[in-house]
Each structure stands twice: as structure tokens, then as C-alpha cells.
Amino acid sequence: MTQRRAVRRPDAVAGIVEDWARERPGLDTAPLEVLARLHRAYLQYHSRLTSQIERHGLSVAGFDVLTALRRAGAPYRLTAGQLAASGLISSAGVTLRLDRLEKEGLLVRERDAEDRRVVYSRLTDAGLRKVDEVFAEHLENERRMLGGLSPAERRQLARLLSKLEYSIVESDEAGPEDDEAAT
């Protein structure tokens, strides 16, 4: 197997930090070291994710719905509320996404036999085949993007990002008045 040699481009964030150090030497720009890099990595990730999914005629939002239904297990159905609560899908656009996926034959809507007010969205056979195909390619795409990291680095990064997410949520819950009390 041929080892691919990584060519490192200049780090744009390092340049930004240097500029701020020159212009405002008293500012602590340490947060940029992490969050600006995270933001830039996200933009690159999102661009690659979007292009890979759109090649299959799907939007990222539609893909999120299909994957949520697939993860639910047989019979691959959820209500709109369950889809919104699944973690990756906002409740605002669920109905529009469902309408489009239903028109494409990837899901059907069914009323609950016990309570006719409850409506489920269920993957069709075509929807199941599509999500299985696209998700397998999605994982391979993500594997390529992580190719510059060793398995140990991937695990470490996953732990750190989980901790970062928790830190961000906690900082939001603390609120500005709690920050002032701590100083």
C-alpha cells in the first residue's frame, strides 16, 4: 500500500491569531485556536457531505430524515415529532422534507390503527435501499476525510469534541449573569 504524503498548507487560523497578536497584543485569542479551526473544518466537511449526498438526488435534510427512519429499526417508521426529536432534524422543516420524500417514493405516511390522529412516516422498500446505499457511501466519505488521523487520534478527538459540546451547552445554560458572578 502506497503511503500518501500529506502536504501541509499554511494554517489560516495561525495567521489570524498572529494578526490579532500584532494588532491587539493584550487580547487572549486562545479560543480561536480551537473554535476557528473547528468552524473551518466544519465548512470543509459540510461541502464534501453535501456534494456526496446531492449526487444521489437528495438534500442533506432529506438524508437526515431517511437515516433517522432507518435507525429506528423495522418497520422504519416515526411520527413527525419523533423525527424532530431524533437529534439532527429541526421541527420547522419536517413536513416539507416529508412531502418531498413521499413524492419521490422514498417514504409513505400511514395513520396509526389505534389512534387515527397519529401519522407515521415509513420508509418504502425504495427508501430503504436508497438510505442503505447512500449511508454506506457517506461513511466511506467520512473515513476519507479522517484519513490523516490515526485510530487513536480519532478516538481522542471524538472524546474531546464530546467534551467541547458539553462545555458549550453548559456555558449557554450558565448565562452571562453567572459568568459575572464567577469573576
N, C-alpha and C. Protein backbone atom coordinates (compact mmCIF):
# COMPACT_ATOMS: atom_id res chain seq x y z
N MET A 1 0.84 -1.17 0.00
CA MET A 1 0.00 0.00 0.00
C MET A 1 0.89 1.24 0.00
N THR A 2 0.61 2.17 -0.89
CA THR A 2 1.40 3.39 -1.00
C THR A 2 0.98 4.37 0.07
N GLN A 3 1.95 4.89 0.78
CA GLN A 3 1.69 5.87 1.83
C GLN A 3 1.50 7.23 1.18
N ARG A 4 0.39 7.87 1.43
CA ARG A 4 0.13 9.18 0.88
C ARG A 4 0.82 10.23 1.73
N ARG A 5 1.57 11.09 1.09
CA ARG A 5 2.29 12.12 1.82
C ARG A 5 1.42 13.37 1.91
N ALA A 6 1.15 13.78 3.11
CA ALA A 6 0.31 14.96 3.31
C ALA A 6 1.12 16.22 3.11
N VAL A 7 0.60 17.09 2.26
CA VAL A 7 1.23 18.39 2.04
C VAL A 7 0.48 19.38 2.91
N ARG A 8 1.18 19.94 3.86
CA ARG A 8 0.54 20.88 4.79
C ARG A 8 0.52 22.27 4.20
N ARG A 9 -0.64 22.83 4.10
CA ARG A 9 -0.77 24.22 3.67
C ARG A 9 -0.64 25.11 4.88
N PRO A 10 -0.30 26.37 4.64
CA PRO A 10 -0.23 27.28 5.79
C PRO A 10 -1.57 27.29 6.54
N ASP A 11 -1.51 27.33 7.84
CA ASP A 11 -2.69 27.32 8.70
C ASP A 11 -3.26 28.73 8.77
N ALA A 12 -4.44 28.92 8.17
CA ALA A 12 -5.06 30.25 8.12
C ALA A 12 -5.35 30.78 9.53
N VAL A 13 -5.73 29.89 10.43
CA VAL A 13 -6.05 30.34 11.79
C VAL A 13 -4.80 30.87 12.48
N ALA A 14 -3.67 30.22 12.28
CA ALA A 14 -2.43 30.71 12.88
C ALA A 14 -2.14 32.12 12.39
N GLY A 15 -2.39 32.38 11.12
CA GLY A 15 -2.21 33.73 10.58
C GLY A 15 -3.14 34.74 11.22
N ILE A 16 -4.39 34.35 11.44
CA ILE A 16 -5.37 35.23 12.08
C ILE A 16 -4.94 35.54 13.51
N VAL A 17 -4.51 34.51 14.23
CA VAL A 17 -4.05 34.70 15.62
C VAL A 17 -2.84 35.63 15.64
N GLU A 18 -1.91 35.45 14.72
CA GLU A 18 -0.75 36.34 14.64
C GLU A 18 -1.16 37.77 14.35
N ASP A 19 -2.12 37.96 13.45
CA ASP A 19 -2.60 39.31 13.14
C ASP A 19 -3.18 39.98 14.38
N TRP A 20 -4.01 39.24 15.14
CA TRP A 20 -4.59 39.81 16.35
C TRP A 20 -3.52 40.09 17.40
N ALA A 21 -2.55 39.24 17.51
CA ALA A 21 -1.46 39.46 18.48
C ALA A 21 -0.71 40.75 18.13
N ARG A 22 -0.55 41.00 16.85
CA ARG A 22 0.12 42.22 16.42
C ARG A 22 -0.77 43.44 16.67
N GLU A 23 -2.04 43.34 16.31
CA GLU A 23 -2.95 44.49 16.39
C GLU A 23 -3.49 44.76 17.78
N ARG A 24 -3.71 43.71 18.55
CA ARG A 24 -4.26 43.84 19.90
C ARG A 24 -3.53 42.87 20.81
N PRO A 25 -2.27 43.18 21.16
CA PRO A 25 -1.44 42.23 21.91
C PRO A 25 -2.02 41.84 23.27
N GLY A 26 -2.92 42.61 23.83
CA GLY A 26 -3.48 42.29 25.14
C GLY A 26 -4.63 41.30 25.10
N LEU A 27 -5.16 40.99 23.91
CA LEU A 27 -6.29 40.07 23.82
C LEU A 27 -5.83 38.62 23.90
N ASP A 28 -6.60 37.83 24.62
CA ASP A 28 -6.34 36.39 24.67
C ASP A 28 -7.13 35.74 23.53
N THR A 29 -6.44 35.39 22.48
CA THR A 29 -7.10 34.81 21.30
C THR A 29 -7.11 33.28 21.33
N ALA A 30 -6.82 32.70 22.48
CA ALA A 30 -6.76 31.23 22.58
C ALA A 30 -8.04 30.54 22.09
N PRO A 31 -9.24 31.10 22.32
CA PRO A 31 -10.43 30.41 21.82
C PRO A 31 -10.42 30.21 20.30
N LEU A 32 -9.79 31.14 19.57
CA LEU A 32 -9.71 30.99 18.12
C LEU A 32 -8.93 29.75 17.72
N GLU A 33 -7.94 29.40 18.52
CA GLU A 33 -7.10 28.24 18.21
C GLU A 33 -7.95 26.98 18.04
N VAL A 34 -9.02 26.89 18.80
CA VAL A 34 -9.90 25.72 18.72
C VAL A 34 -11.12 26.00 17.85
N LEU A 35 -11.87 27.03 18.21
CA LEU A 35 -13.18 27.22 17.58
C LEU A 35 -13.09 27.69 16.14
N ALA A 36 -12.13 28.52 15.79
CA ALA A 36 -11.99 28.92 14.39
C ALA A 36 -11.58 27.72 13.54
N ARG A 37 -10.71 26.88 14.06
CA ARG A 37 -10.33 25.67 13.33
C ARG A 37 -11.51 24.71 13.21
N LEU A 38 -12.29 24.60 14.26
CA LEU A 38 -13.47 23.74 14.22
C LEU A 38 -14.44 24.25 13.15
N HIS A 39 -14.64 25.55 13.12
CA HIS A 39 -15.55 26.15 12.14
C HIS A 39 -15.06 25.91 10.71
N ARG A 40 -13.78 26.14 10.48
CA ARG A 40 -13.21 25.93 9.15
C ARG A 40 -13.29 24.45 8.75
N ALA A 41 -13.04 23.55 9.68
CA ALA A 41 -13.15 22.11 9.40
C ALA A 41 -14.61 21.76 9.08
N TYR A 42 -15.55 22.34 9.82
CA TYR A 42 -16.97 22.08 9.56
C TYR A 42 -17.36 22.53 8.15
N LEU A 43 -16.91 23.70 7.74
CA LEU A 43 -17.26 24.19 6.41
C LEU A 43 -16.74 23.24 5.33
N GLN A 44 -15.52 22.74 5.49
CA GLN A 44 -14.96 21.78 4.54
C GLN A 44 -15.76 20.47 4.57
N TYR A 45 -16.06 19.99 5.77
CA TYR A 45 -16.84 18.77 5.93
C TYR A 45 -18.21 18.92 5.27
N HIS A 46 -18.89 20.01 5.56
CA HIS A 46 -20.24 20.21 5.06
C HIS A 46 -20.26 20.27 3.53
N SER A 47 -19.27 20.90 2.95
CA SER A 47 -19.18 20.98 1.49
C SER A 47 -19.05 19.59 0.89
N ARG A 48 -18.20 18.76 1.45
CA ARG A 48 -18.00 17.40 0.94
C ARG A 48 -19.21 16.51 1.20
N LEU A 49 -19.82 16.66 2.35
CA LEU A 49 -21.04 15.92 2.69
C LEU A 49 -22.15 16.25 1.71
N THR A 50 -22.37 17.54 1.50
CA THR A 50 -23.45 17.99 0.64
C THR A 50 -23.27 17.48 -0.78
N SER A 51 -22.07 17.61 -1.33
CA SER A 51 -21.88 17.18 -2.72
C SER A 51 -22.07 15.67 -2.86
N GLN A 52 -21.61 14.90 -1.88
CA GLN A 52 -21.77 13.45 -1.95
C GLN A 52 -23.24 13.05 -1.90
N ILE A 53 -24.02 13.67 -1.04
CA ILE A 53 -25.43 13.31 -0.90
C ILE A 53 -26.25 13.81 -2.08
N GLU A 54 -25.94 15.01 -2.56
CA GLU A 54 -26.70 15.56 -3.69
C GLU A 54 -26.50 14.76 -4.97
N ARG A 55 -25.39 14.05 -5.09
CA ARG A 55 -25.18 13.18 -6.27
C ARG A 55 -26.27 12.10 -6.35
N HIS A 56 -26.90 11.81 -5.23
CA HIS A 56 -27.97 10.80 -5.19
C HIS A 56 -29.36 11.42 -5.29
N GLY A 57 -29.41 12.71 -5.60
CA GLY A 57 -30.70 13.38 -5.73
C GLY A 57 -31.36 13.71 -4.41
N LEU A 58 -30.58 13.72 -3.33
CA LEU A 58 -31.12 14.01 -2.00
C LEU A 58 -30.54 15.33 -1.49
N SER A 59 -31.27 15.95 -0.60
CA SER A 59 -30.73 17.07 0.16
C SER A 59 -30.18 16.50 1.47
N VAL A 60 -29.34 17.26 2.14
CA VAL A 60 -28.84 16.82 3.44
C VAL A 60 -30.01 16.65 4.40
N ALA A 61 -30.98 17.57 4.34
CA ALA A 61 -32.14 17.48 5.21
C ALA A 61 -32.94 16.21 4.95
N GLY A 62 -33.15 15.87 3.69
CA GLY A 62 -33.86 14.64 3.35
C GLY A 62 -33.09 13.41 3.79
N PHE A 63 -31.78 13.45 3.61
CA PHE A 63 -30.92 12.35 4.06
C PHE A 63 -31.04 12.16 5.56
N ASP A 64 -31.09 13.27 6.32
CA ASP A 64 -31.25 13.17 7.77
C ASP A 64 -32.56 12.47 8.14
N VAL A 65 -33.63 12.76 7.42
CA VAL A 65 -34.91 12.10 7.68
C VAL A 65 -34.79 10.60 7.39
N LEU A 66 -34.23 10.27 6.23
CA LEU A 66 -34.09 8.86 5.86
C LEU A 66 -33.24 8.09 6.87
N THR A 67 -32.14 8.70 7.31
CA THR A 67 -31.29 7.99 8.27
C THR A 67 -31.97 7.84 9.63
N ALA A 68 -32.76 8.84 10.02
CA ALA A 68 -33.49 8.72 11.29
C ALA A 68 -34.49 7.57 11.22
N LEU A 69 -35.19 7.47 10.10
CA LEU A 69 -36.14 6.37 9.93
C LEU A 69 -35.43 5.02 9.91
N ARG A 70 -34.28 4.96 9.24
CA ARG A 70 -33.52 3.71 9.16
C ARG A 70 -33.02 3.28 10.53
N ARG A 71 -32.52 4.25 11.31
CA ARG A 71 -32.00 3.94 12.65
C ARG A 71 -33.10 3.48 13.59
N ALA A 72 -34.35 3.84 13.29
CA ALA A 72 -35.47 3.46 14.16
C ALA A 72 -35.70 1.94 14.14
N GLY A 73 -35.18 1.26 13.13
CA GLY A 73 -35.38 -0.18 13.02
C GLY A 73 -36.73 -0.51 12.41
N ALA A 74 -36.87 -1.76 12.01
CA ALA A 74 -38.12 -2.21 11.38
C ALA A 74 -39.28 -1.93 12.32
N PRO A 75 -40.35 -1.38 11.83
CA PRO A 75 -40.75 -1.17 10.45
C PRO A 75 -40.31 0.18 9.86
N TYR A 76 -39.27 0.80 10.41
CA TYR A 76 -38.68 2.04 9.88
C TYR A 76 -39.71 3.15 9.78
N ARG A 77 -40.35 3.43 10.90
CA ARG A 77 -41.37 4.48 10.90
C ARG A 77 -41.29 5.30 12.18
N LEU A 78 -41.59 6.58 12.03
CA LEU A 78 -41.62 7.53 13.15
C LEU A 78 -42.67 8.59 12.85
N THR A 79 -43.14 9.24 13.91
CA THR A 79 -44.02 10.40 13.72
C THR A 79 -43.15 11.62 13.42
N ALA A 80 -43.77 12.69 12.96
CA ALA A 80 -43.03 13.93 12.69
C ALA A 80 -42.37 14.44 13.98
N GLY A 81 -43.06 14.32 15.08
CA GLY A 81 -42.49 14.74 16.36
C GLY A 81 -41.28 13.91 16.75
N GLN A 82 -41.36 12.62 16.52
CA GLN A 82 -40.21 11.75 16.81
C GLN A 82 -39.03 12.08 15.89
N LEU A 83 -39.32 12.38 14.64
CA LEU A 83 -38.26 12.78 13.72
C LEU A 83 -37.58 14.06 14.19
N ALA A 84 -38.39 15.02 14.62
CA ALA A 84 -37.83 16.29 15.10
C ALA A 84 -36.97 16.07 16.34
N ALA A 85 -37.39 15.13 17.18
CA ALA A 85 -36.65 14.87 18.42
C ALA A 85 -35.45 13.96 18.22
N SER A 86 -35.27 13.45 17.00
CA SER A 86 -34.21 12.47 16.74
C SER A 86 -32.81 13.05 16.84
N GLY A 87 -32.71 14.35 16.92
CA GLY A 87 -31.40 14.93 17.16
C GLY A 87 -30.82 15.75 16.04
N LEU A 88 -31.07 15.40 14.79
CA LEU A 88 -30.44 16.11 13.68
C LEU A 88 -31.44 16.91 12.85
N ILE A 89 -32.71 16.81 13.18
CA ILE A 89 -33.74 17.39 12.33
C ILE A 89 -34.52 18.44 13.11
N SER A 90 -34.62 19.65 12.57
CA SER A 90 -35.40 20.68 13.24
C SER A 90 -36.87 20.47 12.92
N SER A 91 -37.74 20.80 13.86
CA SER A 91 -39.16 20.59 13.67
C SER A 91 -39.74 21.49 12.60
N ALA A 92 -39.10 22.64 12.34
CA ALA A 92 -39.62 23.61 11.39
C ALA A 92 -39.78 23.04 9.98
N GLY A 93 -38.81 22.25 9.54
CA GLY A 93 -38.85 21.79 8.16
C GLY A 93 -39.26 20.35 7.97
N VAL A 94 -39.70 19.67 9.01
CA VAL A 94 -40.00 18.24 8.89
C VAL A 94 -41.08 17.99 7.84
N THR A 95 -42.16 18.73 7.87
CA THR A 95 -43.28 18.47 6.94
C THR A 95 -42.86 18.65 5.49
N LEU A 96 -42.10 19.70 5.21
CA LEU A 96 -41.64 19.93 3.84
C LEU A 96 -40.74 18.79 3.38
N ARG A 97 -39.87 18.34 4.24
CA ARG A 97 -38.98 17.23 3.90
C ARG A 97 -39.78 15.96 3.64
N LEU A 98 -40.77 15.71 4.51
CA LEU A 98 -41.59 14.51 4.36
C LEU A 98 -42.36 14.56 3.04
N ASP A 99 -42.91 15.73 2.71
CA ASP A 99 -43.65 15.87 1.45
C ASP A 99 -42.77 15.50 0.26
N ARG A 100 -41.55 16.03 0.24
CA ARG A 100 -40.65 15.79 -0.89
C ARG A 100 -40.27 14.31 -0.97
N LEU A 101 -39.91 13.72 0.17
CA LEU A 101 -39.51 12.31 0.18
C LEU A 101 -40.67 11.39 -0.20
N GLU A 102 -41.88 11.78 0.20
CA GLU A 102 -43.06 10.99 -0.18
C GLU A 102 -43.29 11.07 -1.69
N LYS A 103 -43.16 12.26 -2.28
CA LYS A 103 -43.32 12.42 -3.73
C LYS A 103 -42.28 11.60 -4.49
N GLU A 104 -41.10 11.45 -3.92
CA GLU A 104 -40.04 10.67 -4.56
C GLU A 104 -40.19 9.17 -4.33
N GLY A 105 -41.22 8.78 -3.56
CA GLY A 105 -41.47 7.36 -3.33
C GLY A 105 -40.55 6.72 -2.31
N LEU A 106 -39.86 7.56 -1.49
CA LEU A 106 -38.91 7.02 -0.51
C LEU A 106 -39.56 6.76 0.85
N LEU A 107 -40.72 7.35 1.08
CA LEU A 107 -41.48 7.07 2.30
C LEU A 107 -42.96 7.21 2.01
N VAL A 108 -43.75 6.64 2.91
CA VAL A 108 -45.20 6.78 2.86
C VAL A 108 -45.66 7.23 4.24
N ARG A 109 -46.80 7.88 4.27
CA ARG A 109 -47.41 8.26 5.54
C ARG A 109 -48.56 7.32 5.82
N GLU A 110 -48.65 6.90 7.08
CA GLU A 110 -49.68 5.95 7.49
C GLU A 110 -50.29 6.40 8.81
N ARG A 111 -51.60 6.29 8.91
CA ARG A 111 -52.27 6.58 10.17
C ARG A 111 -52.16 5.38 11.10
N ASP A 112 -52.04 5.67 12.38
CA ASP A 112 -51.99 4.62 13.39
C ASP A 112 -53.34 3.91 13.45
N ALA A 113 -53.33 2.60 13.51
CA ALA A 113 -54.57 1.82 13.53
C ALA A 113 -55.37 2.07 14.81
N GLU A 114 -54.70 2.34 15.91
CA GLU A 114 -55.36 2.54 17.20
C GLU A 114 -55.84 3.98 17.39
N ASP A 115 -55.02 4.94 16.96
CA ASP A 115 -55.33 6.36 17.15
C ASP A 115 -55.12 7.07 15.81
N ARG A 116 -56.21 7.34 15.11
CA ARG A 116 -56.16 7.90 13.75
C ARG A 116 -55.53 9.29 13.71
N ARG A 117 -55.36 9.93 14.88
CA ARG A 117 -54.72 11.26 14.90
C ARG A 117 -53.21 11.15 14.70
N VAL A 118 -52.64 9.98 14.97
CA VAL A 118 -51.20 9.76 14.87
C VAL A 118 -50.85 9.33 13.45
N VAL A 119 -49.89 10.06 12.86
CA VAL A 119 -49.45 9.75 11.49
C VAL A 119 -47.96 9.40 11.54
N TYR A 120 -47.65 8.26 10.96
CA TYR A 120 -46.26 7.80 10.87
C TYR A 120 -45.75 8.03 9.46
N SER A 121 -44.46 8.30 9.37
CA SER A 121 -43.75 8.27 8.09
C SER A 121 -42.93 6.99 8.12
N ARG A 122 -43.06 6.18 7.04
CA ARG A 122 -42.37 4.89 6.99
C ARG A 122 -41.57 4.79 5.70
N LEU A 123 -40.36 4.27 5.80
CA LEU A 123 -39.55 4.04 4.61
C LEU A 123 -40.24 3.03 3.71
N THR A 124 -40.22 3.31 2.41
CA THR A 124 -40.65 2.32 1.43
C THR A 124 -39.45 1.40 1.16
N ASP A 125 -39.67 0.35 0.39
CA ASP A 125 -38.55 -0.51 0.01
C ASP A 125 -37.50 0.29 -0.76
N ALA A 126 -37.97 1.18 -1.64
CA ALA A 126 -37.04 2.04 -2.40
C ALA A 126 -36.29 2.98 -1.46
N GLY A 127 -36.97 3.49 -0.44
CA GLY A 127 -36.33 4.38 0.54
C GLY A 127 -35.29 3.64 1.35
N LEU A 128 -35.59 2.41 1.72
CA LEU A 128 -34.65 1.59 2.48
C LEU A 128 -33.39 1.30 1.64
N ARG A 129 -33.59 0.93 0.38
CA ARG A 129 -32.44 0.69 -0.50
C ARG A 129 -31.60 1.96 -0.67
N LYS A 130 -32.28 3.08 -0.87
CA LYS A 130 -31.59 4.36 -1.10
C LYS A 130 -30.77 4.76 0.13
N VAL A 131 -31.36 4.71 1.31
CA VAL A 131 -30.64 5.14 2.51
C VAL A 131 -29.48 4.20 2.81
N ASP A 132 -29.67 2.91 2.58
CA ASP A 132 -28.57 1.97 2.83
C ASP A 132 -27.40 2.25 1.87
N GLU A 133 -27.70 2.51 0.62
CA GLU A 133 -26.65 2.80 -0.37
C GLU A 133 -25.94 4.11 -0.04
N VAL A 134 -26.72 5.16 0.18
CA VAL A 134 -26.13 6.49 0.41
C VAL A 134 -25.38 6.53 1.74
N PHE A 135 -25.90 5.87 2.76
CA PHE A 135 -25.23 5.91 4.06
C PHE A 135 -23.89 5.18 4.01
N ALA A 136 -23.82 4.07 3.30
CA ALA A 136 -22.55 3.36 3.16
C ALA A 136 -21.52 4.26 2.48
N GLU A 137 -21.93 4.97 1.43
CA GLU A 137 -21.03 5.91 0.75
C GLU A 137 -20.66 7.07 1.67
N HIS A 138 -21.63 7.52 2.46
CA HIS A 138 -21.40 8.62 3.41
C HIS A 138 -20.30 8.24 4.41
N LEU A 139 -20.38 7.04 4.94
CA LEU A 139 -19.36 6.60 5.90
C LEU A 139 -17.99 6.51 5.24
N GLU A 140 -17.95 6.04 4.01
CA GLU A 140 -16.67 5.96 3.30
C GLU A 140 -16.12 7.37 3.05
N ASN A 141 -16.98 8.30 2.72
CA ASN A 141 -16.60 9.70 2.52
C ASN A 141 -16.01 10.26 3.83
N GLU A 142 -16.66 9.98 4.94
CA GLU A 142 -16.16 10.46 6.23
C GLU A 142 -14.83 9.78 6.58
N ARG A 143 -14.70 8.50 6.26
CA ARG A 143 -13.44 7.79 6.50
C ARG A 143 -12.29 8.46 5.75
N ARG A 144 -12.54 8.84 4.49
CA ARG A 144 -11.51 9.53 3.70
C ARG A 144 -11.14 10.86 4.36
N MET A 145 -12.15 11.58 4.83
CA MET A 145 -11.88 12.89 5.45
C MET A 145 -11.05 12.74 6.72
N LEU A 146 -11.19 11.64 7.41
CA LEU A 146 -10.44 11.40 8.65
C LEU A 146 -9.13 10.66 8.40
N GLY A 147 -8.80 10.46 7.14
CA GLY A 147 -7.63 9.68 6.77
C GLY A 147 -6.31 10.18 7.32
N GLY A 148 -6.20 11.45 7.63
CA GLY A 148 -4.97 12.00 8.17
C GLY A 148 -4.79 11.77 9.67
N LEU A 149 -5.76 11.13 10.30
CA LEU A 149 -5.70 10.87 11.75
C LEU A 149 -5.57 9.37 11.99
N SER A 150 -4.79 9.03 12.97
CA SER A 150 -4.68 7.62 13.36
C SER A 150 -5.96 7.22 14.11
N PRO A 151 -6.21 5.92 14.24
CA PRO A 151 -7.38 5.48 15.02
C PRO A 151 -7.37 6.06 16.45
N ALA A 152 -6.20 6.10 17.08
CA ALA A 152 -6.12 6.66 18.44
C ALA A 152 -6.45 8.15 18.43
N GLU A 153 -5.97 8.86 17.42
CA GLU A 153 -6.28 10.29 17.33
C GLU A 153 -7.77 10.52 17.09
N ARG A 154 -8.39 9.66 16.29
CA ARG A 154 -9.83 9.77 16.04
C ARG A 154 -10.61 9.59 17.34
N ARG A 155 -10.22 8.58 18.12
CA ARG A 155 -10.91 8.34 19.40
C ARG A 155 -10.71 9.52 20.34
N GLN A 156 -9.48 10.03 20.40
CA GLN A 156 -9.19 11.18 21.26
C GLN A 156 -9.99 12.40 20.82
N LEU A 157 -10.02 12.65 19.52
CA LEU A 157 -10.77 13.79 19.00
C LEU A 157 -12.26 13.65 19.30
N ALA A 158 -12.79 12.45 19.14
CA ALA A 158 -14.20 12.20 19.44
C ALA A 158 -14.51 12.52 20.90
N ARG A 159 -13.63 12.08 21.80
CA ARG A 159 -13.83 12.37 23.23
C ARG A 159 -13.77 13.87 23.48
N LEU A 160 -12.79 14.54 22.88
CA LEU A 160 -12.64 15.98 23.09
C LEU A 160 -13.81 16.76 22.51
N LEU A 161 -14.30 16.37 21.34
CA LEU A 161 -15.44 17.07 20.76
C LEU A 161 -16.70 16.86 21.59
N SER A 162 -16.86 15.68 22.15
CA SER A 162 -17.99 15.44 23.05
C SER A 162 -17.90 16.36 24.27
N LYS A 163 -16.70 16.47 24.79
CA LYS A 163 -16.47 17.35 25.94
C LYS A 163 -16.70 18.81 25.55
N LEU A 164 -16.27 19.19 24.35
CA LEU A 164 -16.49 20.56 23.87
C LEU A 164 -17.97 20.86 23.74
N GLU A 165 -18.72 19.93 23.16
CA GLU A 165 -20.16 20.14 23.01
C GLU A 165 -20.81 20.35 24.38
N TYR A 166 -20.44 19.52 25.33
CA TYR A 166 -20.97 19.66 26.68
C TYR A 166 -20.59 21.02 27.27
N SER A 167 -19.35 21.44 27.06
CA SER A 167 -18.88 22.72 27.57
C SER A 167 -19.68 23.88 26.98
N ILE A 168 -19.96 23.80 25.68
CA ILE A 168 -20.73 24.86 25.02
C ILE A 168 -22.14 24.91 25.57
N VAL A 169 -22.77 23.75 25.73
CA VAL A 169 -24.13 23.70 26.28
C VAL A 169 -24.14 24.25 27.70
N GLU A 170 -23.17 23.83 28.51
CA GLU A 170 -23.09 24.30 29.89
C GLU A 170 -22.86 25.81 29.95
N SER A 171 -22.04 26.35 29.05
CA SER A 171 -21.77 27.79 29.07
C SER A 171 -23.03 28.56 28.72
N ASP A 172 -23.85 28.01 27.84
CA ASP A 172 -25.10 28.66 27.47
C ASP A 172 -26.09 28.62 28.62
N GLU A 173 -26.12 27.50 29.34
CA GLU A 173 -27.03 27.36 30.46
C GLU A 173 -26.60 28.23 31.64
N ALA A 174 -25.30 28.51 31.75
CA ALA A 174 -24.82 29.34 32.84
C ALA A 174 -25.32 30.77 32.68
N GLY A 175 -25.34 31.29 31.44
CA GLY A 175 -25.81 32.63 31.20
C GLY A 175 -24.80 33.68 31.60
N PRO A 176 -24.96 34.89 31.07
CA PRO A 176 -23.99 35.96 31.35
C PRO A 176 -23.93 36.39 32.81
N GLU A 177 -25.07 36.33 33.50
CA GLU A 177 -25.05 36.76 34.92
C GLU A 177 -24.24 35.82 35.77
N ASP A 178 -24.23 34.50 35.44
CA ASP A 178 -23.42 33.55 36.18
C ASP A 178 -21.93 33.79 35.90
N ASP A 179 -21.60 34.19 34.67
CA ASP A 179 -20.21 34.48 34.33
C ASP A 179 -19.68 35.65 35.15
N GLU A 180 -20.53 36.69 35.31
CA GLU A 180 -20.11 37.86 36.07
C GLU A 180 -19.93 37.53 37.55
N ALA A 181 -20.78 36.65 38.06
CA ALA A 181 -20.68 36.28 39.48
C ALA A 181 -19.40 35.49 39.75
N ALA A 182 -18.92 34.79 38.75
CA ALA A 182 -17.72 33.98 38.92
C ALA A 182 -16.43 34.82 38.92
N THR A 183 -16.52 36.05 38.43
CA THR A 183 -15.30 36.88 38.35
C THR A 183 -15.08 37.72 39.57
